[in-house]
Amino acid sequence: MSLGAFSVSLTVKDLAASKAFYEKLGFSGIGGDESQNWLILANGDCVVGLFQGMFDKNMLTFNPGWGPDGTPLEEFEDVRDIQKRLKADGVAIASEADETTSGPASFVVVDPDGNPVLVDQHV
């Protein structure tokens, strides 16, 4: 099973302050919209999403259909197929993708320590 591109999605209190901090660590913007309170920053293959007021907790994020640099892949496992496989393996789905749809969708699972894992397909 390939989950696609990986990033860490951080809940932040002050988007501008967090952006400035991560830029000092060598990250630069590759996506997002400051007016909507979210940014995606990268430093090489490391990707961090900054989200102000959108999530309760930091989470791991996987993007089926995207390569490490956020470019669409020609072939990938659909988010709904990944969800079905996890359900078949007994993994509880905290927030489900609608399996009757196609295209962009997402689901969330929670690891044994309470950490949310978002599988978020944009293509």
PDB file of N, CA and C in Angstrom:
ATOM      1  N   MET A   1       0.856  -1.176   0.000  1.00  0.00           N
ATOM      2  CA  MET A   1       0.000   0.000   0.000  1.00  0.00           C
ATOM      3  C   MET A   1       0.901   1.237   0.000  1.00  0.00           C
ATOM      4  N   SER A   2       0.683   2.120  -0.938  1.00  0.00           N
ATOM      5  CA  SER A   2       1.421   3.378  -0.988  1.00  0.00           C
ATOM      6  C   SER A   2       0.477   4.497  -0.563  1.00  0.00           C
ATOM      7  N   LEU A   3       0.871   5.238   0.449  1.00  0.00           N
ATOM      8  CA  LEU A   3       0.036   6.310   0.978  1.00  0.00           C
ATOM      9  C   LEU A   3       0.310   7.656   0.322  1.00  0.00           C
ATOM     10  N   GLY A   4       1.301   7.733  -0.545  1.00  0.00           N
ATOM     11  CA  GLY A   4       1.604   8.981  -1.236  1.00  0.00           C
ATOM     12  C   GLY A   4       2.544   9.875  -0.468  1.00  0.00           C
ATOM     13  N   ALA A   5       2.529  11.151  -0.795  1.00  0.00           N
ATOM     14  CA  ALA A   5       3.421  12.134  -0.184  1.00  0.00           C
ATOM     15  C   ALA A   5       3.131  12.236   1.312  1.00  0.00           C
ATOM     16  N   PHE A   6       4.182  12.484   2.092  1.00  0.00           N
ATOM     17  CA  PHE A   6       4.062  12.585   3.544  1.00  0.00           C
ATOM     18  C   PHE A   6       4.388  13.992   4.004  1.00  0.00           C
ATOM     19  N   SER A   7       3.628  14.474   4.982  1.00  0.00           N
ATOM     20  CA  SER A   7       3.942  15.740   5.644  1.00  0.00           C
ATOM     21  C   SER A   7       3.433  15.683   7.080  1.00  0.00           C
ATOM     22  N   VAL A   8       3.888  16.625   7.860  1.00  0.00           N
ATOM     23  CA  VAL A   8       3.371  16.801   9.207  1.00  0.00           C
ATOM     24  C   VAL A   8       2.507  18.051   9.182  1.00  0.00           C
ATOM     25  N   SER A   9       1.274  17.926   9.642  1.00  0.00           N
ATOM     26  CA  SER A   9       0.350  19.058   9.707  1.00  0.00           C
ATOM     27  C   SER A   9       0.321  19.562  11.144  1.00  0.00           C
ATOM     28  N   LEU A  10       0.747  20.797  11.318  1.00  0.00           N
ATOM     29  CA  LEU A  10       0.847  21.372  12.655  1.00  0.00           C
ATOM     30  C   LEU A  10      -0.260  22.384  12.911  1.00  0.00           C
ATOM     31  N   THR A  11      -0.871  22.285  14.084  1.00  0.00           N
ATOM     32  CA  THR A  11      -1.788  23.330  14.511  1.00  0.00           C
ATOM     33  C   THR A  11      -0.925  24.461  15.073  1.00  0.00           C
ATOM     34  N   VAL A  12      -1.164  25.663  14.633  1.00  0.00           N
ATOM     35  CA  VAL A  12      -0.354  26.790  15.090  1.00  0.00           C
ATOM     36  C   VAL A  12      -1.261  27.884  15.637  1.00  0.00           C
ATOM     37  N   LYS A  13      -0.733  28.646  16.585  1.00  0.00           N
ATOM     38  CA  LYS A  13      -1.491  29.742  17.184  1.00  0.00           C
ATOM     39  C   LYS A  13      -1.375  31.025  16.367  1.00  0.00           C
ATOM     40  N   ASP A  14      -0.199  31.221  15.748  1.00  0.00           N
ATOM     41  CA  ASP A  14       0.067  32.445  14.989  1.00  0.00           C
ATOM     42  C   ASP A  14       0.763  32.044  13.695  1.00  0.00           C
ATOM     43  N   LEU A  15       0.022  32.046  12.597  1.00  0.00           N
ATOM     44  CA  LEU A  15       0.543  31.577  11.317  1.00  0.00           C
ATOM     45  C   LEU A  15       1.795  32.352  10.900  1.00  0.00           C
ATOM     46  N   ALA A  16       1.772  33.656  11.032  1.00  0.00           N
ATOM     47  CA  ALA A  16       2.914  34.475  10.614  1.00  0.00           C
ATOM     48  C   ALA A  16       4.158  34.149  11.437  1.00  0.00           C
ATOM     49  N   ALA A  17       3.986  33.981  12.744  1.00  0.00           N
ATOM     50  CA  ALA A  17       5.130  33.668  13.604  1.00  0.00           C
ATOM     51  C   ALA A  17       5.690  32.286  13.276  1.00  0.00           C
ATOM     52  N   SER A  18       4.801  31.317  13.023  1.00  0.00           N
ATOM     53  CA  SER A  18       5.254  29.969  12.678  1.00  0.00           C
ATOM     54  C   SER A  18       5.951  29.957  11.329  1.00  0.00           C
ATOM     55  N   LYS A  19       5.399  30.681  10.366  1.00  0.00           N
ATOM     56  CA  LYS A  19       6.024  30.782   9.044  1.00  0.00           C
ATOM     57  C   LYS A  19       7.431  31.352   9.176  1.00  0.00           C
ATOM     58  N   ALA A  20       7.583  32.428   9.916  1.00  0.00           N
ATOM     59  CA  ALA A  20       8.899  33.056  10.111  1.00  0.00           C
ATOM     60  C   ALA A  20       9.876  32.091  10.775  1.00  0.00           C
ATOM     61  N   PHE A  21       9.409  31.338  11.762  1.00  0.00           N
ATOM     62  CA  PHE A  21      10.267  30.360  12.451  1.00  0.00           C
ATOM     63  C   PHE A  21      10.759  29.292  11.482  1.00  0.00           C
ATOM     64  N   TYR A  22       9.850  28.682  10.728  1.00  0.00           N
ATOM     65  CA  TYR A  22      10.247  27.599   9.825  1.00  0.00           C
ATOM     66  C   TYR A  22      11.086  28.108   8.652  1.00  0.00           C
ATOM     67  N   GLU A  23      10.885  29.344   8.241  1.00  0.00           N
ATOM     68  CA  GLU A  23      11.756  29.923   7.214  1.00  0.00           C
ATOM     69  C   GLU A  23      13.188  30.048   7.724  1.00  0.00           C
ATOM     70  N   LYS A  24      13.354  30.353   9.006  1.00  0.00           N
ATOM     71  CA  LYS A  24      14.699  30.411   9.599  1.00  0.00           C
ATOM     72  C   LYS A  24      15.357  29.039   9.619  1.00  0.00           C
ATOM     73  N   LEU A  25      14.542  27.974   9.599  1.00  0.00           N
ATOM     74  CA  LEU A  25      15.075  26.606   9.539  1.00  0.00           C
ATOM     75  C   LEU A  25      15.314  26.148   8.101  1.00  0.00           C
ATOM     76  N   GLY A  26      15.090  27.044   7.136  1.00  0.00           N
ATOM     77  CA  GLY A  26      15.359  26.722   5.749  1.00  0.00           C
ATOM     78  C   GLY A  26      14.151  26.283   4.939  1.00  0.00           C
ATOM     79  N   PHE A  27      12.962  26.362   5.515  1.00  0.00           N
ATOM     80  CA  PHE A  27      11.745  26.004   4.782  1.00  0.00           C
ATOM     81  C   PHE A  27      11.283  27.185   3.946  1.00  0.00           C
ATOM     82  N   SER A  28      10.644  26.896   2.820  1.00  0.00           N
ATOM     83  CA  SER A  28      10.047  27.948   1.993  1.00  0.00           C
ATOM     84  C   SER A  28       8.675  27.480   1.532  1.00  0.00           C
ATOM     85  N   GLY A  29       7.841  28.439   1.204  1.00  0.00           N
ATOM     86  CA  GLY A  29       6.455  28.140   0.838  1.00  0.00           C
ATOM     87  C   GLY A  29       6.335  27.429  -0.495  1.00  0.00           C
ATOM     88  N   ILE A  30       5.494  26.377  -0.514  1.00  0.00           N
ATOM     89  CA  ILE A  30       5.204  25.672  -1.769  1.00  0.00           C
ATOM     90  C   ILE A  30       3.703  25.612  -2.034  1.00  0.00           C
ATOM     91  N   GLY A  31       2.913  26.115  -1.090  1.00  0.00           N
ATOM     92  CA  GLY A  31       1.465  26.084  -1.283  1.00  0.00           C
ATOM     93  C   GLY A  31       0.751  26.703  -0.105  1.00  0.00           C
ATOM     94  N   GLY A  32      -0.553  26.730  -0.234  1.00  0.00           N
ATOM     95  CA  GLY A  32      -1.380  27.253   0.845  1.00  0.00           C
ATOM     96  C   GLY A  32      -1.916  28.631   0.535  1.00  0.00           C
ATOM     97  N   ASP A  33      -2.598  29.189   1.522  1.00  0.00           N
ATOM     98  CA  ASP A  33      -3.230  30.493   1.371  1.00  0.00           C
ATOM     99  C   ASP A  33      -3.276  31.157   2.743  1.00  0.00           C
ATOM    100  N   GLU A  34      -2.414  32.142   2.946  1.00  0.00           N
ATOM    101  CA  GLU A  34      -2.360  32.809   4.247  1.00  0.00           C
ATOM    102  C   GLU A  34      -3.700  33.425   4.631  1.00  0.00           C
ATOM    103  N   SER A  35      -4.476  33.902   3.642  1.00  0.00           N
ATOM    104  CA  SER A  35      -5.769  34.513   3.961  1.00  0.00           C
ATOM    105  C   SER A  35      -6.758  33.479   4.483  1.00  0.00           C
ATOM    106  N   GLN A  36      -6.498  32.187   4.205  1.00  0.00           N
ATOM    107  CA  GLN A  36      -7.335  31.099   4.715  1.00  0.00           C
ATOM    108  C   GLN A  36      -6.678  30.401   5.911  1.00  0.00           C
ATOM    109  N   ASN A  37      -5.591  30.958   6.412  1.00  0.00           N
ATOM    110  CA  ASN A  37      -4.886  30.480   7.613  1.00  0.00           C
ATOM    111  C   ASN A  37      -4.198  29.134   7.451  1.00  0.00           C
ATOM    112  N   TRP A  38      -3.635  28.861   6.262  1.00  0.00           N
ATOM    113  CA  TRP A  38      -2.855  27.642   6.099  1.00  0.00           C
ATOM    114  C   TRP A  38      -1.758  27.844   5.063  1.00  0.00           C
ATOM    115  N   LEU A  39      -0.618  27.196   5.319  1.00  0.00           N
ATOM    116  CA  LEU A  39       0.536  27.248   4.427  1.00  0.00           C
ATOM    117  C   LEU A  39       1.203  25.879   4.385  1.00  0.00           C
ATOM    118  N   ILE A  40       1.823  25.566   3.263  1.00  0.00           N
ATOM    119  CA  ILE A  40       2.630  24.360   3.127  1.00  0.00           C
ATOM    120  C   ILE A  40       4.054  24.817   2.843  1.00  0.00           C
ATOM    121  N   LEU A  41       4.992  24.358   3.651  1.00  0.00           N
ATOM    122  CA  LEU A  41       6.398  24.733   3.530  1.00  0.00           C
ATOM    123  C   LEU A  41       7.235  23.484   3.312  1.00  0.00           C
ATOM    124  N   ALA A  42       8.336  23.636   2.574  1.00  0.00           N
ATOM    125  CA  ALA A  42       9.219  22.500   2.319  1.00  0.00           C
ATOM    126  C   ALA A  42      10.669  22.905   2.509  1.00  0.00           C
ATOM    127  N   ASN A  43      11.451  21.925   2.921  1.00  0.00           N
ATOM    128  CA  ASN A  43      12.899  22.033   2.995  1.00  0.00           C
ATOM    129  C   ASN A  43      13.401  20.715   2.433  1.00  0.00           C
ATOM    130  N   GLY A  44      13.785  20.710   1.157  1.00  0.00           N
ATOM    131  CA  GLY A  44      14.133  19.456   0.495  1.00  0.00           C
ATOM    132  C   GLY A  44      12.894  18.577   0.418  1.00  0.00           C
ATOM    133  N   ASP A  45      13.017  17.327   0.875  1.00  0.00           N
ATOM    134  CA  ASP A  45      11.884  16.396   0.873  1.00  0.00           C
ATOM    135  C   ASP A  45      11.018  16.506   2.122  1.00  0.00           C
ATOM    136  N   CYS A  46      11.400  17.368   3.056  1.00  0.00           N
ATOM    137  CA  CYS A  46      10.631  17.531   4.298  1.00  0.00           C
ATOM    138  C   CYS A  46       9.534  18.572   4.076  1.00  0.00           C
ATOM    139  N   VAL A  47       8.305  18.186   4.402  1.00  0.00           N
ATOM    140  CA  VAL A  47       7.163  19.082   4.193  1.00  0.00           C
ATOM    141  C   VAL A  47       6.411  19.253   5.503  1.00  0.00           C
ATOM    142  N   VAL A  48       6.088  20.514   5.802  1.00  0.00           N
ATOM    143  CA  VAL A  48       5.337  20.862   7.002  1.00  0.00           C
ATOM    144  C   VAL A  48       4.156  21.722   6.575  1.00  0.00           C
ATOM    145  N   GLY A  49       2.969  21.354   7.039  1.00  0.00           N
ATOM    146  CA  GLY A  49       1.790  22.183   6.842  1.00  0.00           C
ATOM    147  C   GLY A  49       1.514  22.949   8.116  1.00  0.00           C
ATOM    148  N   LEU A  50       1.231  24.225   7.994  1.00  0.00           N
ATOM    149  CA  LEU A  50       0.899  25.074   9.137  1.00  0.00           C
ATOM    150  C   LEU A  50      -0.573  25.457   9.018  1.00  0.00           C
ATOM    151  N   PHE A  51      -1.351  25.154  10.046  1.00  0.00           N
ATOM    152  CA  PHE A  51      -2.795  25.371  10.002  1.00  0.00           C
ATOM    153  C   PHE A  51      -3.241  26.089  11.270  1.00  0.00           C
ATOM    154  N   GLN A  52      -3.734  27.306  11.117  1.00  0.00           N
ATOM    155  CA  GLN A  52      -4.212  28.082  12.254  1.00  0.00           C
ATOM    156  C   GLN A  52      -5.718  27.955  12.363  1.00  0.00           C
ATOM    157  N   GLY A  53      -6.197  27.400  13.482  1.00  0.00           N
ATOM    158  CA  GLY A  53      -7.625  27.316  13.749  1.00  0.00           C
ATOM    159  C   GLY A  53      -8.363  26.265  12.948  1.00  0.00           C
ATOM    160  N   MET A  54      -7.674  25.287  12.385  1.00  0.00           N
ATOM    161  CA  MET A  54      -8.336  24.288  11.545  1.00  0.00           C
ATOM    162  C   MET A  54      -8.401  22.905  12.189  1.00  0.00           C
ATOM    163  N   PHE A  55      -7.434  22.558  13.008  1.00  0.00           N
ATOM    164  CA  PHE A  55      -7.373  21.230  13.618  1.00  0.00           C
ATOM    165  C   PHE A  55      -7.156  21.365  15.115  1.00  0.00           C
ATOM    166  N   ASP A  56      -7.559  20.327  15.863  1.00  0.00           N
ATOM    167  CA  ASP A  56      -7.351  20.323  17.305  1.00  0.00           C
ATOM    168  C   ASP A  56      -5.956  19.843  17.684  1.00  0.00           C
ATOM    169  N   LYS A  57      -5.392  18.948  16.853  1.00  0.00           N
ATOM    170  CA  LYS A  57      -4.103  18.336  17.170  1.00  0.00           C
ATOM    171  C   LYS A  57      -3.204  18.329  15.942  1.00  0.00           C
ATOM    172  N   ASN A  58      -1.905  18.243  16.196  1.00  0.00           N
ATOM    173  CA  ASN A  58      -0.963  17.990  15.112  1.00  0.00           C
ATOM    174  C   ASN A  58      -1.276  16.609  14.550  1.00  0.00           C
ATOM    175  N   MET A  59      -0.987  16.392  13.265  1.00  0.00           N
ATOM    176  CA  MET A  59      -1.254  15.075  12.692  1.00  0.00           C
ATOM    177  C   MET A  59      -0.286  14.749  11.569  1.00  0.00           C
ATOM    178  N   LEU A  60      -0.146  13.468  11.343  1.00  0.00           N
ATOM    179  CA  LEU A  60       0.589  12.981  10.189  1.00  0.00           C
ATOM    180  C   LEU A  60      -0.361  13.054   9.002  1.00  0.00           C
ATOM    181  N   THR A  61       0.154  13.434   7.842  1.00  0.00           N
ATOM    182  CA  THR A  61      -0.693  13.549   6.656  1.00  0.00           C
ATOM    183  C   THR A  61      -0.052  12.814   5.490  1.00  0.00           C
ATOM    184  N   PHE A  62      -0.856  12.036   4.795  1.00  0.00           N
ATOM    185  CA  PHE A  62      -0.435  11.338   3.592  1.00  0.00           C
ATOM    186  C   PHE A  62      -1.352  11.768   2.457  1.00  0.00           C
ATOM    187  N   ASN A  63      -0.778  11.962   1.273  1.00  0.00           N
ATOM    188  CA  ASN A  63      -1.552  12.417   0.111  1.00  0.00           C
ATOM    189  C   ASN A  63      -1.413  11.438  -1.046  1.00  0.00           C
ATOM    190  N   PRO A  64      -2.337  10.445  -1.138  1.00  0.00           N
ATOM    191  CA  PRO A  64      -2.321   9.561  -2.304  1.00  0.00           C
ATOM    192  C   PRO A  64      -2.471  10.375  -3.581  1.00  0.00           C
ATOM    193  N   GLY A  65      -1.724   9.990  -4.605  1.00  0.00           N
ATOM    194  CA  GLY A  65      -1.813  10.694  -5.876  1.00  0.00           C
ATOM    195  C   GLY A  65      -0.815  11.814  -6.027  1.00  0.00           C
ATOM    196  N   TRP A  66      -0.051  12.097  -4.989  1.00  0.00           N
ATOM    197  CA  TRP A  66       0.983  13.130  -5.058  1.00  0.00           C
ATOM    198  C   TRP A  66       2.346  12.517  -4.829  1.00  0.00           C
ATOM    199  N   GLY A  67       3.336  13.014  -5.563  1.00  0.00           N
ATOM    200  CA  GLY A  67       4.725  12.674  -5.303  1.00  0.00           C
ATOM    201  C   GLY A  67       5.233  13.515  -4.155  1.00  0.00           C
ATOM    202  N   PRO A  68       6.481  13.299  -3.730  1.00  0.00           N
ATOM    203  CA  PRO A  68       7.035  14.031  -2.586  1.00  0.00           C
ATOM    204  C   PRO A  68       7.056  15.546  -2.764  1.00  0.00           C
ATOM    205  N   ASP A  69       7.058  16.017  -3.997  1.00  0.00           N
ATOM    206  CA  ASP A  69       7.091  17.455  -4.244  1.00  0.00           C
ATOM    207  C   ASP A  69       5.704  18.035  -4.519  1.00  0.00           C
ATOM    208  N   GLY A  70       4.662  17.239  -4.296  1.00  0.00           N
ATOM    209  CA  GLY A  70       3.293  17.708  -4.481  1.00  0.00           C
ATOM    210  C   GLY A  70       2.798  17.668  -5.914  1.00  0.00           C
ATOM    211  N   THR A  71       3.549  17.024  -6.800  1.00  0.00           N
ATOM    212  CA  THR A  71       3.093  16.904  -8.187  1.00  0.00           C
ATOM    213  C   THR A  71       2.220  15.663  -8.323  1.00  0.00           C
ATOM    214  N   PRO A  72       1.167  15.739  -9.137  1.00  0.00           N
ATOM    215  CA  PRO A  72       0.272  14.589  -9.316  1.00  0.00           C
ATOM    216  C   PRO A  72       0.991  13.396  -9.955  1.00  0.00           C
ATOM    217  N   LEU A  73       0.643  12.198  -9.483  1.00  0.00           N
ATOM    218  CA  LEU A  73       1.178  10.958 -10.039  1.00  0.00           C
ATOM    219  C   LEU A  73       0.188  10.400 -11.058  1.00  0.00           C
ATOM    220  N   GLU A  74       0.701   9.758 -12.080  1.00  0.00           N
ATOM    221  CA  GLU A  74      -0.181   9.139 -13.080  1.00  0.00           C
ATOM    222  C   GLU A  74      -0.902   7.927 -12.517  1.00  0.00           C
ATOM    223  N   GLU A  75      -0.208   7.136 -11.697  1.00  0.00           N
ATOM    224  CA  GLU A  75      -0.803   5.940 -11.105  1.00  0.00           C
ATOM    225  C   GLU A  75      -0.657   6.001  -9.591  1.00  0.00           C
ATOM    226  N   PHE A  76      -1.739   5.669  -8.894  1.00  0.00           N
ATOM    227  CA  PHE A  76      -1.713   5.648  -7.426  1.00  0.00           C
ATOM    228  C   PHE A  76      -2.917   4.873  -6.925  1.00  0.00           C
ATOM    229  N   GLU A  77      -2.843   4.463  -5.661  1.00  0.00           N
ATOM    230  CA  GLU A  77      -3.968   3.771  -5.031  1.00  0.00           C
ATOM    231  C   GLU A  77      -4.950   4.806  -4.504  1.00  0.00           C
ATOM    232  N   ASP A  78      -6.206   4.695  -4.903  1.00  0.00           N
ATOM    233  CA  ASP A  78      -7.240   5.645  -4.507  1.00  0.00           C
ATOM    234  C   ASP A  78      -7.476   5.587  -2.994  1.00  0.00           C
ATOM    235  N   VAL A  79      -7.762   6.744  -2.418  1.00  0.00           N
ATOM    236  CA  VAL A  79      -7.986   6.871  -0.981  1.00  0.00           C
ATOM    237  C   VAL A  79      -9.093   5.924  -0.493  1.00  0.00           C
ATOM    238  N   ARG A  80     -10.130   5.726  -1.309  1.00  0.00           N
ATOM    239  CA  ARG A  80     -11.228   4.838  -0.912  1.00  0.00           C
ATOM    240  C   ARG A  80     -10.778   3.378  -0.854  1.00  0.00           C
ATOM    241  N   ASP A  81      -9.869   2.977  -1.756  1.00  0.00           N
ATOM    242  CA  ASP A  81      -9.329   1.616  -1.726  1.00  0.00           C
ATOM    243  C   ASP A  81      -8.442   1.409  -0.505  1.00  0.00           C
ATOM    244  N   ILE A  82      -7.667   2.429  -0.155  1.00  0.00           N
ATOM    245  CA  ILE A  82      -6.838   2.351   1.056  1.00  0.00           C
ATOM    246  C   ILE A  82      -7.740   2.214   2.276  1.00  0.00           C
ATOM    247  N   GLN A  83      -8.796   3.018   2.332  1.00  0.00           N
ATOM    248  CA  GLN A  83      -9.742   2.962   3.446  1.00  0.00           C
ATOM    249  C   GLN A  83     -10.375   1.577   3.561  1.00  0.00           C
ATOM    250  N   LYS A  84     -10.810   1.010   2.431  1.00  0.00           N
ATOM    251  CA  LYS A  84     -11.416  -0.327   2.447  1.00  0.00           C
ATOM    252  C   LYS A  84     -10.445  -1.370   2.980  1.00  0.00           C
ATOM    253  N   ARG A  85      -9.186  -1.274   2.554  1.00  0.00           N
ATOM    254  CA  ARG A  85      -8.177  -2.226   3.019  1.00  0.00           C
ATOM    255  C   ARG A  85      -7.960  -2.110   4.527  1.00  0.00           C
ATOM    256  N   LEU A  86      -7.888  -0.889   5.021  1.00  0.00           N
ATOM    257  CA  LEU A  86      -7.702  -0.699   6.460  1.00  0.00           C
ATOM    258  C   LEU A  86      -8.901  -1.213   7.250  1.00  0.00           C
ATOM    259  N   LYS A  87     -10.101  -0.944   6.758  1.00  0.00           N
ATOM    260  CA  LYS A  87     -11.308  -1.463   7.422  1.00  0.00           C
ATOM    261  C   LYS A  87     -11.274  -2.993   7.472  1.00  0.00           C
ATOM    262  N   ALA A  88     -10.876  -3.608   6.358  1.00  0.00           N
ATOM    263  CA  ALA A  88     -10.798  -5.071   6.304  1.00  0.00           C
ATOM    264  C   ALA A  88      -9.770  -5.615   7.296  1.00  0.00           C
ATOM    265  N   ASP A  89      -8.747  -4.812   7.592  1.00  0.00           N
ATOM    266  CA  ASP A  89      -7.724  -5.202   8.561  1.00  0.00           C
ATOM    267  C   ASP A  89      -8.125  -4.853   9.996  1.00  0.00           C
ATOM    268  N   GLY A  90      -9.339  -4.343  10.179  1.00  0.00           N
ATOM    269  CA  GLY A  90      -9.835  -4.048  11.522  1.00  0.00           C
ATOM    270  C   GLY A  90      -9.453  -2.692  12.068  1.00  0.00           C
ATOM    271  N   VAL A  91      -8.956  -1.799  11.227  1.00  0.00           N
ATOM    272  CA  VAL A  91      -8.593  -0.457  11.675  1.00  0.00           C
ATOM    273  C   VAL A  91      -9.860   0.399  11.718  1.00  0.00           C
ATOM    274  N   ALA A  92     -10.099   1.029  12.859  1.00  0.00           N
ATOM    275  CA  ALA A  92     -11.263   1.909  13.006  1.00  0.00           C
ATOM    276  C   ALA A  92     -11.013   3.207  12.245  1.00  0.00           C
ATOM    277  N   ILE A  93     -12.005   3.648  11.503  1.00  0.00           N
ATOM    278  CA  ILE A  93     -11.919   4.895  10.741  1.00  0.00           C
ATOM    279  C   ILE A  93     -12.662   5.969  11.531  1.00  0.00           C
ATOM    280  N   ALA A  94     -11.944   7.021  11.931  1.00  0.00           N
ATOM    281  CA  ALA A  94     -12.546   8.079  12.744  1.00  0.00           C
ATOM    282  C   ALA A  94     -13.416   9.011  11.916  1.00  0.00           C
ATOM    283  N   SER A  95     -13.007   9.245  10.688  1.00  0.00           N
ATOM    284  CA  SER A  95     -13.754  10.090   9.759  1.00  0.00           C
ATOM    285  C   SER A  95     -13.585   9.459   8.385  1.00  0.00           C
ATOM    286  N   GLU A  96     -14.688   9.061   7.754  1.00  0.00           N
ATOM    287  CA  GLU A  96     -14.618   8.262   6.528  1.00  0.00           C
ATOM    288  C   GLU A  96     -14.754   9.071   5.256  1.00  0.00           C
ATOM    289  N   ALA A  97     -14.083   8.572   4.201  1.00  0.00           N
ATOM    290  CA  ALA A  97     -14.308   9.062   2.845  1.00  0.00           C
ATOM    291  C   ALA A  97     -15.561   8.373   2.313  1.00  0.00           C
ATOM    292  N   ASP A  98     -16.345   9.074   1.531  1.00  0.00           N
ATOM    293  CA  ASP A  98     -17.534   8.496   0.917  1.00  0.00           C
ATOM    294  C   ASP A  98     -17.081   7.557  -0.199  1.00  0.00           C
ATOM    295  N   GLU A  99     -17.310   6.279  -0.012  1.00  0.00           N
ATOM    296  CA  GLU A  99     -16.831   5.271  -0.956  1.00  0.00           C
ATOM    297  C   GLU A  99     -17.640   5.215  -2.248  1.00  0.00           C
ATOM    298  N   THR A 100     -18.704   5.999  -2.339  1.00  0.00           N
ATOM    299  CA  THR A 100     -19.500   6.023  -3.577  1.00  0.00           C
ATOM    300  C   THR A 100     -19.035   7.126  -4.529  1.00  0.00           C
ATOM    301  N   THR A 101     -18.023   7.900  -4.120  1.00  0.00           N
ATOM    302  CA  THR A 101     -17.544   9.014  -4.928  1.00  0.00           C
ATOM    303  C   THR A 101     -16.219   8.666  -5.592  1.00  0.00           C
ATOM    304  N   SER A 102     -15.719   9.592  -6.397  1.00  0.00           N
ATOM    305  CA  SER A 102     -14.383   9.469  -6.973  1.00  0.00           C
ATOM    306  C   SER A 102     -13.713  10.832  -6.867  1.00  0.00           C
ATOM    307  N   GLY A 103     -12.403  10.850  -7.116  1.00  0.00           N
ATOM    308  CA  GLY A 103     -11.666  12.107  -7.030  1.00  0.00           C
ATOM    309  C   GLY A 103     -11.270  12.445  -5.610  1.00  0.00           C
ATOM    310  N   PRO A 104     -11.124  13.735  -5.302  1.00  0.00           N
ATOM    311  CA  PRO A 104     -10.665  14.149  -3.978  1.00  0.00           C
ATOM    312  C   PRO A 104     -11.551  13.618  -2.851  1.00  0.00           C
ATOM    313  N   ALA A 105     -10.896  13.140  -1.801  1.00  0.00           N
ATOM    314  CA  ALA A 105     -11.587  12.644  -0.598  1.00  0.00           C
ATOM    315  C   ALA A 105     -10.536  12.419   0.479  1.00  0.00           C
ATOM    316  N   SER A 106     -10.996  12.231   1.702  1.00  0.00           N
ATOM    317  CA  SER A 106     -10.058  11.983   2.799  1.00  0.00           C
ATOM    318  C   SER A 106     -10.716  11.142   3.883  1.00  0.00           C
ATOM    319  N   PHE A 107      -9.862  10.532   4.686  1.00  0.00           N
ATOM    320  CA  PHE A 107     -10.317   9.856   5.890  1.00  0.00           C
ATOM    321  C   PHE A 107      -9.264  10.023   6.976  1.00  0.00           C
ATOM    322  N   VAL A 108      -9.680   9.775   8.213  1.00  0.00           N
ATOM    323  CA  VAL A 108      -8.783   9.903   9.359  1.00  0.00           C
ATOM    324  C   VAL A 108      -8.832   8.623  10.169  1.00  0.00           C
ATOM    325  N   VAL A 109      -7.665   8.139  10.559  1.00  0.00           N
ATOM    326  CA  VAL A 109      -7.537   7.070  11.536  1.00  0.00           C
ATOM    327  C   VAL A 109      -6.753   7.638  12.711  1.00  0.00           C
ATOM    328  N   VAL A 110      -6.839   6.974  13.843  1.00  0.00           N
ATOM    329  CA  VAL A 110      -6.133   7.432  15.040  1.00  0.00           C
ATOM    330  C   VAL A 110      -5.244   6.297  15.525  1.00  0.00           C
ATOM    331  N   ASP A 111      -3.961   6.599  15.740  1.00  0.00           N
ATOM    332  CA  ASP A 111      -3.039   5.548  16.170  1.00  0.00           C
ATOM    333  C   ASP A 111      -3.286   5.192  17.634  1.00  0.00           C
ATOM    334  N   PRO A 112      -2.650   4.129  18.147  1.00  0.00           N
ATOM    335  CA  PRO A 112      -2.920   3.681  19.519  1.00  0.00           C
ATOM    336  C   PRO A 112      -2.632   4.720  20.601  1.00  0.00           C
ATOM    337  N   ASP A 113      -1.839   5.749  20.267  1.00  0.00           N
ATOM    338  CA  ASP A 113      -1.527   6.788  21.242  1.00  0.00           C
ATOM    339  C   ASP A 113      -2.376   8.042  21.080  1.00  0.00           C
ATOM    340  N   GLY A 114      -3.387   7.969  20.212  1.00  0.00           N
ATOM    341  CA  GLY A 114      -4.290   9.089  20.044  1.00  0.00           C
ATOM    342  C   GLY A 114      -3.877  10.100  18.988  1.00  0.00           C
ATOM    343  N   ASN A 115      -2.851   9.778  18.209  1.00  0.00           N
ATOM    344  CA  ASN A 115      -2.392  10.692  17.171  1.00  0.00           C
ATOM    345  C   ASN A 115      -3.221  10.511  15.897  1.00  0.00           C
ATOM    346  N   PRO A 116      -3.826  11.579  15.389  1.00  0.00           N
ATOM    347  CA  PRO A 116      -4.593  11.445  14.154  1.00  0.00           C
ATOM    348  C   PRO A 116      -3.675  11.296  12.943  1.00  0.00           C
ATOM    349  N   VAL A 117      -4.127  10.475  11.995  1.00  0.00           N
ATOM    350  CA  VAL A 117      -3.423  10.279  10.732  1.00  0.00           C
ATOM    351  C   VAL A 117      -4.441  10.576   9.631  1.00  0.00           C
ATOM    352  N   LEU A 118      -4.166  11.615   8.865  1.00  0.00           N
ATOM    353  CA  LEU A 118      -5.045  12.049   7.778  1.00  0.00           C
ATOM    354  C   LEU A 118      -4.529  11.488   6.460  1.00  0.00           C
ATOM    355  N   VAL A 119      -5.412  10.824   5.720  1.00  0.00           N
ATOM    356  CA  VAL A 119      -5.100  10.375   4.372  1.00  0.00           C
ATOM    357  C   VAL A 119      -5.984  11.218   3.457  1.00  0.00           C
ATOM    358  N   ASP A 120      -5.361  12.145   2.730  1.00  0.00           N
ATOM    359  CA  ASP A 120      -6.074  13.228   2.059  1.00  0.00           C
ATOM    360  C   ASP A 120      -5.677  13.273   0.584  1.00  0.00           C
ATOM    361  N   GLN A 121      -6.577  12.807  -0.268  1.00  0.00           N
ATOM    362  CA  GLN A 121      -6.332  12.767  -1.708  1.00  0.00           C
ATOM    363  C   GLN A 121      -6.893  14.022  -2.364  1.00  0.00           C
ATOM    364  N   HIS A 122      -6.055  14.724  -3.127  1.00  0.00           N
ATOM    365  CA  HIS A 122      -6.472  15.958  -3.780  1.00  0.00           C
ATOM    366  C   HIS A 122      -6.725  15.804  -5.271  1.00  0.00           C
ATOM    367  N   VAL A 123      -6.451  14.629  -5.828  1.00  0.00           N
ATOM    368  CA  VAL A 123      -6.623  14.421  -7.281  1.00  0.00           C
ATOM    369  C   VAL A 123      -7.688  13.379  -7.542  1.00  0.00           C
TER     370      VAL A 123
END
